[in-house]
């Protein structure tokens, strides 16, 4: 794909189409990986994005039950 270099203030940049941004989940930040003869653009995502809202909804639902049992069926507690 060919892209034109454009003037952005005192710098230069490239425009990415909405289709490319959506396909590669690019929103606010990207990482530029500089190689010997190329530049690779990858999206930066937060791996824990949305956790705060998820924990808040759990506390609002009074979800006190554990997600997994304390012991598995084949586990022997006597060893401890």
PDB file of N, CA and C in Angstrom:
ATOM      1  N   UNK A   1       0.843  -1.172   0.000  1.00  0.00           N
ATOM      2  CA  UNK A   1       0.000   0.000   0.000  1.00  0.00           C
ATOM      3  C   UNK A   1       0.890   1.236   0.000  1.00  0.00           C
ATOM      4  N   UNK A   2       0.529   2.212  -0.749  1.00  0.00           N
ATOM      5  CA  UNK A   2       1.288   3.453  -0.845  1.00  0.00           C
ATOM      6  C   UNK A   2       0.572   4.535  -0.054  1.00  0.00           C
ATOM      7  N   UNK A   3       1.353   5.339   0.680  1.00  0.00           N
ATOM      8  CA  UNK A   3       0.790   6.460   1.431  1.00  0.00           C
ATOM      9  C   UNK A   3       1.648   7.687   1.177  1.00  0.00           C
ATOM     10  N   UNK A   4       1.007   8.841   1.143  1.00  0.00           N
ATOM     11  CA  UNK A   4       1.704  10.094   0.880  1.00  0.00           C
ATOM     12  C   UNK A   4       2.134  10.717   2.203  1.00  0.00           C
ATOM     13  N   UNK A   5       3.346  11.255   2.225  1.00  0.00           N
ATOM     14  CA  UNK A   5       3.847  11.996   3.383  1.00  0.00           C
ATOM     15  C   UNK A   5       3.210  13.388   3.348  1.00  0.00           C
ATOM     16  N   UNK A   6       2.627  13.802   4.503  1.00  0.00           N
ATOM     17  CA  UNK A   6       1.949  15.096   4.574  1.00  0.00           C
ATOM     18  C   UNK A   6       2.606  15.985   5.621  1.00  0.00           C
ATOM     19  N   UNK A   7       2.413  17.278   5.504  1.00  0.00           N
ATOM     20  CA  UNK A   7       2.924  18.246   6.471  1.00  0.00           C
ATOM     21  C   UNK A   7       1.978  18.281   7.668  1.00  0.00           C
ATOM     22  N   UNK A   8       2.535  18.147   8.895  1.00  0.00           N
ATOM     23  CA  UNK A   8       1.759  18.240  10.131  1.00  0.00           C
ATOM     24  C   UNK A   8       2.505  19.219  11.033  1.00  0.00           C
ATOM     25  N   UNK A   9       2.116  20.479  11.007  1.00  0.00           N
ATOM     26  CA  UNK A   9       2.838  21.504  11.761  1.00  0.00           C
ATOM     27  C   UNK A   9       4.262  21.613  11.243  1.00  0.00           C
ATOM     28  N   UNK A  10       5.233  21.498  12.144  1.00  0.00           N
ATOM     29  CA  UNK A  10       6.634  21.521  11.753  1.00  0.00           C
ATOM     30  C   UNK A  10       7.161  20.137  11.397  1.00  0.00           C
ATOM     31  N   UNK A  11       6.312  19.128  11.517  1.00  0.00           N
ATOM     32  CA  UNK A  11       6.721  17.745  11.270  1.00  0.00           C
ATOM     33  C   UNK A  11       6.073  17.217  10.006  1.00  0.00           C
ATOM     34  N   UNK A  12       6.296  15.971   9.739  1.00  0.00           N
ATOM     35  CA  UNK A  12       5.639  15.287   8.621  1.00  0.00           C
ATOM     36  C   UNK A  12       5.007  14.022   9.165  1.00  0.00           C
ATOM     37  N   UNK A  13       4.001  13.526   8.464  1.00  0.00           N
ATOM     38  CA  UNK A  13       3.308  12.333   8.918  1.00  0.00           C
ATOM     39  C   UNK A  13       2.622  11.619   7.776  1.00  0.00           C
ATOM     40  N   UNK A  14       1.924  10.550   8.107  1.00  0.00           N
ATOM     41  CA  UNK A  14       1.107   9.832   7.134  1.00  0.00           C
ATOM     42  C   UNK A  14      -0.292   9.700   7.700  1.00  0.00           C
ATOM     43  N   UNK A  15      -1.268   9.593   6.811  1.00  0.00           N
ATOM     44  CA  UNK A  15      -2.657   9.380   7.224  1.00  0.00           C
ATOM     45  C   UNK A  15      -2.983   7.914   7.051  1.00  0.00           C
ATOM     46  N   UNK A  16      -3.680   7.367   8.041  1.00  0.00           N
ATOM     47  CA  UNK A  16      -4.162   5.988   7.950  1.00  0.00           C
ATOM     48  C   UNK A  16      -5.676   6.034   7.815  1.00  0.00           C
ATOM     49  N   UNK A  17      -6.199   5.257   6.915  1.00  0.00           N
ATOM     50  CA  UNK A  17      -7.648   5.267   6.684  1.00  0.00           C
ATOM     51  C   UNK A  17      -8.388   4.646   7.866  1.00  0.00           C
ATOM     52  N   UNK A  18      -9.645   4.972   7.978  1.00  0.00           N
ATOM     53  CA  UNK A  18     -10.503   4.430   9.025  1.00  0.00           C
ATOM     54  C   UNK A  18     -10.530   2.908   8.953  1.00  0.00           C
ATOM     55  N   UNK A  19     -10.535   2.369   7.749  1.00  0.00           N
ATOM     56  CA  UNK A  19     -10.549   0.922   7.558  1.00  0.00           C
ATOM     57  C   UNK A  19      -9.315   0.276   8.179  1.00  0.00           C
ATOM     58  N   UNK A  20      -8.145   0.855   7.941  1.00  0.00           N
ATOM     59  CA  UNK A  20      -6.903   0.314   8.512  1.00  0.00           C
ATOM     60  C   UNK A  20      -6.918   0.440  10.033  1.00  0.00           C
ATOM     61  N   UNK A  21      -7.339   1.587  10.535  1.00  0.00           N
ATOM     62  CA  UNK A  21      -7.391   1.791  11.979  1.00  0.00           C
ATOM     63  C   UNK A  21      -8.297   0.776  12.653  1.00  0.00           C
ATOM     64  N   UNK A  22      -9.449   0.502  12.075  1.00  0.00           N
ATOM     65  CA  UNK A  22     -10.384  -0.463  12.650  1.00  0.00           C
ATOM     66  C   UNK A  22      -9.867  -1.894  12.524  1.00  0.00           C
ATOM     67  N   UNK A  23      -9.330  -2.235  11.366  1.00  0.00           N
ATOM     68  CA  UNK A  23      -8.855  -3.604  11.129  1.00  0.00           C
ATOM     69  C   UNK A  23      -7.744  -3.993  12.098  1.00  0.00           C
ATOM     70  N   UNK A  24      -6.848  -3.057  12.399  1.00  0.00           N
ATOM     71  CA  UNK A  24      -5.706  -3.361  13.254  1.00  0.00           C
ATOM     72  C   UNK A  24      -5.868  -2.824  14.679  1.00  0.00           C
ATOM     73  N   UNK A  25      -7.091  -2.416  15.032  1.00  0.00           N
ATOM     74  CA  UNK A  25      -7.416  -1.943  16.387  1.00  0.00           C
ATOM     75  C   UNK A  25      -6.469  -0.838  16.860  1.00  0.00           C
ATOM     76  N   UNK A  26      -6.244   0.126  16.014  1.00  0.00           N
ATOM     77  CA  UNK A  26      -5.394   1.258  16.358  1.00  0.00           C
ATOM     78  C   UNK A  26      -6.294   2.384  16.832  1.00  0.00           C
ATOM     79  N   UNK A  27      -6.036   2.868  18.062  1.00  0.00           N
ATOM     80  CA  UNK A  27      -6.869   3.959  18.569  1.00  0.00           C
ATOM     81  C   UNK A  27      -6.012   5.170  18.913  1.00  0.00           C
ATOM     82  N   UNK A  28      -5.377   5.188  20.067  1.00  0.00           N
ATOM     83  CA  UNK A  28      -4.671   6.381  20.512  1.00  0.00           C
ATOM     84  C   UNK A  28      -3.162   6.339  20.298  1.00  0.00           C
ATOM     85  N   UNK A  29      -2.560   5.184  20.567  1.00  0.00           N
ATOM     86  CA  UNK A  29      -1.107   5.098  20.517  1.00  0.00           C
ATOM     87  C   UNK A  29      -0.668   3.925  19.652  1.00  0.00           C
ATOM     88  N   UNK A  30       0.502   4.090  19.048  1.00  0.00           N
ATOM     89  CA  UNK A  30       1.136   3.006  18.303  1.00  0.00           C
ATOM     90  C   UNK A  30       2.591   2.913  18.716  1.00  0.00           C
ATOM     91  N   UNK A  31       3.167   1.751  18.510  1.00  0.00           N
ATOM     92  CA  UNK A  31       4.596   1.563  18.730  1.00  0.00           C
ATOM     93  C   UNK A  31       5.267   1.518  17.371  1.00  0.00           C
ATOM     94  N   UNK A  32       6.350   2.249  17.236  1.00  0.00           N
ATOM     95  CA  UNK A  32       7.126   2.232  16.011  1.00  0.00           C
ATOM     96  C   UNK A  32       8.358   1.358  16.244  1.00  0.00           C
ATOM     97  N   UNK A  33       8.476   0.306  15.463  1.00  0.00           N
ATOM     98  CA  UNK A  33       9.634  -0.578  15.549  1.00  0.00           C
ATOM     99  C   UNK A  33      10.515  -0.246  14.355  1.00  0.00           C
ATOM    100  N   UNK A  34      11.693   0.297  14.650  1.00  0.00           N
ATOM    101  CA  UNK A  34      12.605   0.724  13.604  1.00  0.00           C
ATOM    102  C   UNK A  34      13.543  -0.428  13.252  1.00  0.00           C
ATOM    103  N   UNK A  35      13.462  -0.856  12.010  1.00  0.00           N
ATOM    104  CA  UNK A  35      14.337  -1.913  11.518  1.00  0.00           C
ATOM    105  C   UNK A  35      15.347  -1.287  10.572  1.00  0.00           C
ATOM    106  N   UNK A  36      16.251  -2.082  10.080  1.00  0.00           N
ATOM    107  CA  UNK A  36      17.319  -1.551   9.237  1.00  0.00           C
ATOM    108  C   UNK A  36      16.797  -0.791   8.030  1.00  0.00           C
ATOM    109  N   UNK A  37      15.774  -1.325   7.377  1.00  0.00           N
ATOM    110  CA  UNK A  37      15.272  -0.669   6.167  1.00  0.00           C
ATOM    111  C   UNK A  37      13.756  -0.502   6.164  1.00  0.00           C
ATOM    112  N   UNK A  38      13.138  -0.552   7.353  1.00  0.00           N
ATOM    113  CA  UNK A  38      11.685  -0.402   7.402  1.00  0.00           C
ATOM    114  C   UNK A  38      11.242   0.082   8.778  1.00  0.00           C
ATOM    115  N   UNK A  39       9.994   0.508   8.846  1.00  0.00           N
ATOM    116  CA  UNK A  39       9.352   0.909  10.094  1.00  0.00           C
ATOM    117  C   UNK A  39       8.081   0.081  10.230  1.00  0.00           C
ATOM    118  N   UNK A  40       7.930  -0.582  11.364  1.00  0.00           N
ATOM    119  CA  UNK A  40       6.740  -1.394  11.621  1.00  0.00           C
ATOM    120  C   UNK A  40       5.876  -0.651  12.637  1.00  0.00           C
ATOM    121  N   UNK A  41       4.596  -0.481  12.334  1.00  0.00           N
ATOM    122  CA  UNK A  41       3.656   0.210  13.210  1.00  0.00           C
ATOM    123  C   UNK A  41       2.748  -0.841  13.846  1.00  0.00           C
ATOM    124  N   UNK A  42       2.730  -0.901  15.187  1.00  0.00           N
ATOM    125  CA  UNK A  42       1.851  -1.845  15.881  1.00  0.00           C
ATOM    126  C   UNK A  42       1.024  -1.085  16.913  1.00  0.00           C
ATOM    127  N   UNK A  43      -0.233  -1.491  17.110  1.00  0.00           N
ATOM    128  CA  UNK A  43      -1.073  -0.809  18.096  1.00  0.00           C
ATOM    129  C   UNK A  43      -0.598  -1.109  19.507  1.00  0.00           C
ATOM    130  N   UNK A  44      -0.752  -0.134  20.396  1.00  0.00           N
ATOM    131  CA  UNK A  44      -0.469  -0.333  21.815  1.00  0.00           C
ATOM    132  C   UNK A  44      -1.811  -0.479  22.514  1.00  0.00           C
ATOM    133  N   UNK A  45      -1.975  -1.586  23.189  1.00  0.00           N
ATOM    134  CA  UNK A  45      -3.209  -1.808  23.944  1.00  0.00           C
ATOM    135  C   UNK A  45      -2.852  -2.060  25.398  1.00  0.00           C
ATOM    136  N   UNK A  46      -3.759  -1.741  26.261  1.00  0.00           N
ATOM    137  CA  UNK A  46      -3.576  -1.984  27.682  1.00  0.00           C
ATOM    138  C   UNK A  46      -4.161  -3.361  28.003  1.00  0.00           C
ATOM    139  N   UNK A  47      -3.340  -4.309  28.461  1.00  0.00           N
ATOM    140  CA  UNK A  47      -3.850  -5.660  28.699  1.00  0.00           C
ATOM    141  C   UNK A  47      -4.918  -5.731  29.776  1.00  0.00           C
ATOM    142  N   UNK A  48      -4.940  -4.774  30.675  1.00  0.00           N
ATOM    143  CA  UNK A  48      -5.928  -4.789  31.759  1.00  0.00           C
ATOM    144  C   UNK A  48      -7.053  -3.776  31.536  1.00  0.00           C
ATOM    145  N   UNK A  49      -7.185  -3.337  30.308  1.00  0.00           N
ATOM    146  CA  UNK A  49      -8.210  -2.351  29.983  1.00  0.00           C
ATOM    147  C   UNK A  49      -9.593  -2.932  30.274  1.00  0.00           C
ATOM    148  N   UNK A  50     -10.412  -2.190  30.998  1.00  0.00           N
ATOM    149  CA  UNK A  50     -11.761  -2.634  31.309  1.00  0.00           C
ATOM    150  C   UNK A  50     -11.886  -3.400  32.613  1.00  0.00           C
ATOM    151  N   UNK A  51     -10.765  -3.710  33.256  1.00  0.00           N
ATOM    152  CA  UNK A  51     -10.831  -4.473  34.503  1.00  0.00           C
ATOM    153  C   UNK A  51     -11.550  -3.689  35.596  1.00  0.00           C
ATOM    154  N   UNK A  52     -11.307  -2.394  35.662  1.00  0.00           N
ATOM    155  CA  UNK A  52     -11.913  -1.578  36.704  1.00  0.00           C
ATOM    156  C   UNK A  52     -13.435  -1.660  36.650  1.00  0.00           C
ATOM    157  N   UNK A  53     -13.983  -1.533  35.446  1.00  0.00           N
ATOM    158  CA  UNK A  53     -15.432  -1.612  35.280  1.00  0.00           C
ATOM    159  C   UNK A  53     -15.952  -3.011  35.615  1.00  0.00           C
ATOM    160  N   UNK A  54     -15.191  -4.030  35.242  1.00  0.00           N
ATOM    161  CA  UNK A  54     -15.608  -5.411  35.524  1.00  0.00           C
ATOM    162  C   UNK A  54     -15.652  -5.663  37.028  1.00  0.00           C
ATOM    163  N   UNK A  55     -14.637  -5.229  37.761  1.00  0.00           N
ATOM    164  CA  UNK A  55     -14.618  -5.412  39.215  1.00  0.00           C
ATOM    165  C   UNK A  55     -15.734  -4.615  39.876  1.00  0.00           C
ATOM    166  N   UNK A  56     -15.997  -3.418  39.350  1.00  0.00           N
ATOM    167  CA  UNK A  56     -17.062  -2.599  39.910  1.00  0.00           C
ATOM    168  C   UNK A  56     -18.416  -3.284  39.734  1.00  0.00           C
ATOM    169  N   UNK A  57     -18.654  -3.863  38.549  1.00  0.00           N
ATOM    170  CA  UNK A  57     -19.933  -4.536  38.315  1.00  0.00           C
ATOM    171  C   UNK A  57     -20.064  -5.779  39.181  1.00  0.00           C
ATOM    172  N   UNK A  58     -18.954  -6.469  39.453  1.00  0.00           N
ATOM    173  CA  UNK A  58     -19.004  -7.630  40.341  1.00  0.00           C
ATOM    174  C   UNK A  58     -19.408  -7.221  41.751  1.00  0.00           C
ATOM    175  N   UNK A  59     -18.842  -6.126  42.249  1.00  0.00           N
ATOM    176  CA  UNK A  59     -19.177  -5.688  43.603  1.00  0.00           C
ATOM    177  C   UNK A  59     -20.609  -5.175  43.671  1.00  0.00           C
ATOM    178  N   UNK A  60     -21.095  -4.590  42.596  1.00  0.00           N
ATOM    179  CA  UNK A  60     -22.478  -4.110  42.583  1.00  0.00           C
ATOM    180  C   UNK A  60     -23.469  -5.261  42.564  1.00  0.00           C
ATOM    181  N   UNK A  61     -23.079  -6.383  41.936  1.00  0.00           N
ATOM    182  CA  UNK A  61     -23.951  -7.553  41.867  1.00  0.00           C
ATOM    183  C   UNK A  61     -23.869  -8.410  43.121  1.00  0.00           C
ATOM    184  N   UNK A  62     -23.043  -7.984  44.092  1.00  0.00           N
ATOM    185  CA  UNK A  62     -22.813  -8.763  45.305  1.00  0.00           C
ATOM    186  C   UNK A  62     -22.387 -10.183  44.973  1.00  0.00           C
ATOM    187  N   UNK A  63     -21.524 -10.312  44.020  1.00  0.00           N
ATOM    188  CA  UNK A  63     -21.037 -11.628  43.597  1.00  0.00           C
ATOM    189  C   UNK A  63     -19.990 -12.101  44.585  1.00  0.00           C
ATOM    190  N   UNK A  64     -20.446 -12.787  45.636  1.00  0.00           N
ATOM    191  CA  UNK A  64     -19.553 -13.273  46.684  1.00  0.00           C
ATOM    192  C   UNK A  64     -19.075 -14.696  46.407  1.00  0.00           C
ATOM    193  N   UNK A  65     -19.698 -15.390  45.475  1.00  0.00           N
ATOM    194  CA  UNK A  65     -19.308 -16.771  45.201  1.00  0.00           C
ATOM    195  C   UNK A  65     -18.001 -16.802  44.435  1.00  0.00           C
ATOM    196  N   UNK A  66     -17.096 -17.712  44.817  1.00  0.00           N
ATOM    197  CA  UNK A  66     -15.841 -17.827  44.064  1.00  0.00           C
ATOM    198  C   UNK A  66     -16.105 -18.371  42.663  1.00  0.00           C
ATOM    199  N   UNK A  67     -15.228 -18.020  41.740  1.00  0.00           N
ATOM    200  CA  UNK A  67     -15.381 -18.489  40.370  1.00  0.00           C
ATOM    201  C   UNK A  67     -14.993 -19.950  40.215  1.00  0.00           C
ATOM    202  N   UNK A  68     -14.085 -20.444  41.077  1.00  0.00           N
ATOM    203  CA  UNK A  68     -13.738 -21.861  41.070  1.00  0.00           C
ATOM    204  C   UNK A  68     -13.827 -22.375  42.499  1.00  0.00           C
ATOM    205  N   UNK A  69     -14.011 -23.678  42.664  1.00  0.00           N
ATOM    206  CA  UNK A  69     -14.090 -24.269  43.993  1.00  0.00           C
ATOM    207  C   UNK A  69     -12.740 -24.185  44.686  1.00  0.00           C
ATOM    208  N   UNK A  70     -12.789 -24.197  46.041  1.00  0.00           N
ATOM    209  CA  UNK A  70     -11.541 -24.174  46.800  1.00  0.00           C
ATOM    210  C   UNK A  70     -10.721 -25.437  46.569  1.00  0.00           C
ATOM    211  N   UNK A  71     -11.407 -26.567  46.410  1.00  0.00           N
ATOM    212  CA  UNK A  71     -10.738 -27.848  46.188  1.00  0.00           C
ATOM    213  C   UNK A  71     -11.326 -28.507  44.957  1.00  0.00           C
ATOM    214  N   UNK A  72     -10.502 -29.240  44.271  1.00  0.00           N
ATOM    215  CA  UNK A  72     -10.988 -30.021  43.144  1.00  0.00           C
ATOM    216  C   UNK A  72     -11.452 -31.371  43.651  1.00  0.00           C
ATOM    217  N   UNK A  73     -12.287 -32.056  42.904  1.00  0.00           N
ATOM    218  CA  UNK A  73     -12.848 -33.330  43.323  1.00  0.00           C
ATOM    219  C   UNK A  73     -11.775 -34.369  43.644  1.00  0.00           C
ATOM    220  N   UNK A  74     -10.689 -34.389  42.879  1.00  0.00           N
ATOM    221  CA  UNK A  74      -9.663 -35.402  43.076  1.00  0.00           C
ATOM    222  C   UNK A  74      -8.528 -34.932  43.997  1.00  0.00           C
ATOM    223  N   UNK A  75      -8.677 -33.786  44.622  1.00  0.00           N
ATOM    224  CA  UNK A  75      -7.630 -33.243  45.478  1.00  0.00           C
ATOM    225  C   UNK A  75      -7.752 -33.796  46.890  1.00  0.00           C
ATOM    226  N   UNK A  76      -6.623 -34.136  47.461  1.00  0.00           N
ATOM    227  CA  UNK A  76      -6.593 -34.653  48.839  1.00  0.00           C
ATOM    228  C   UNK A  76      -6.084 -33.566  49.768  1.00  0.00           C
ATOM    229  N   UNK A  77      -6.920 -33.114  50.681  1.00  0.00           N
ATOM    230  CA  UNK A  77      -6.558 -32.042  51.596  1.00  0.00           C
ATOM    231  C   UNK A  77      -5.687 -32.543  52.747  1.00  0.00           C
ATOM    232  N   UNK A  78      -5.653 -33.855  53.000  1.00  0.00           N
ATOM    233  CA  UNK A  78      -4.913 -34.381  54.133  1.00  0.00           C
ATOM    234  C   UNK A  78      -3.410 -34.150  53.998  1.00  0.00           C
ATOM    235  N   UNK A  79      -2.915 -34.015  52.777  1.00  0.00           N
ATOM    236  CA  UNK A  79      -1.487 -33.824  52.572  1.00  0.00           C
ATOM    237  C   UNK A  79      -0.998 -32.553  53.231  1.00  0.00           C
ATOM    238  N   UNK A  80      -1.806 -31.584  53.394  1.00  0.00           N
ATOM    239  CA  UNK A  80      -1.381 -30.301  53.907  1.00  0.00           C
ATOM    240  C   UNK A  80      -1.493 -30.290  55.395  1.00  0.00           C
TER     241      UNK A  80
END
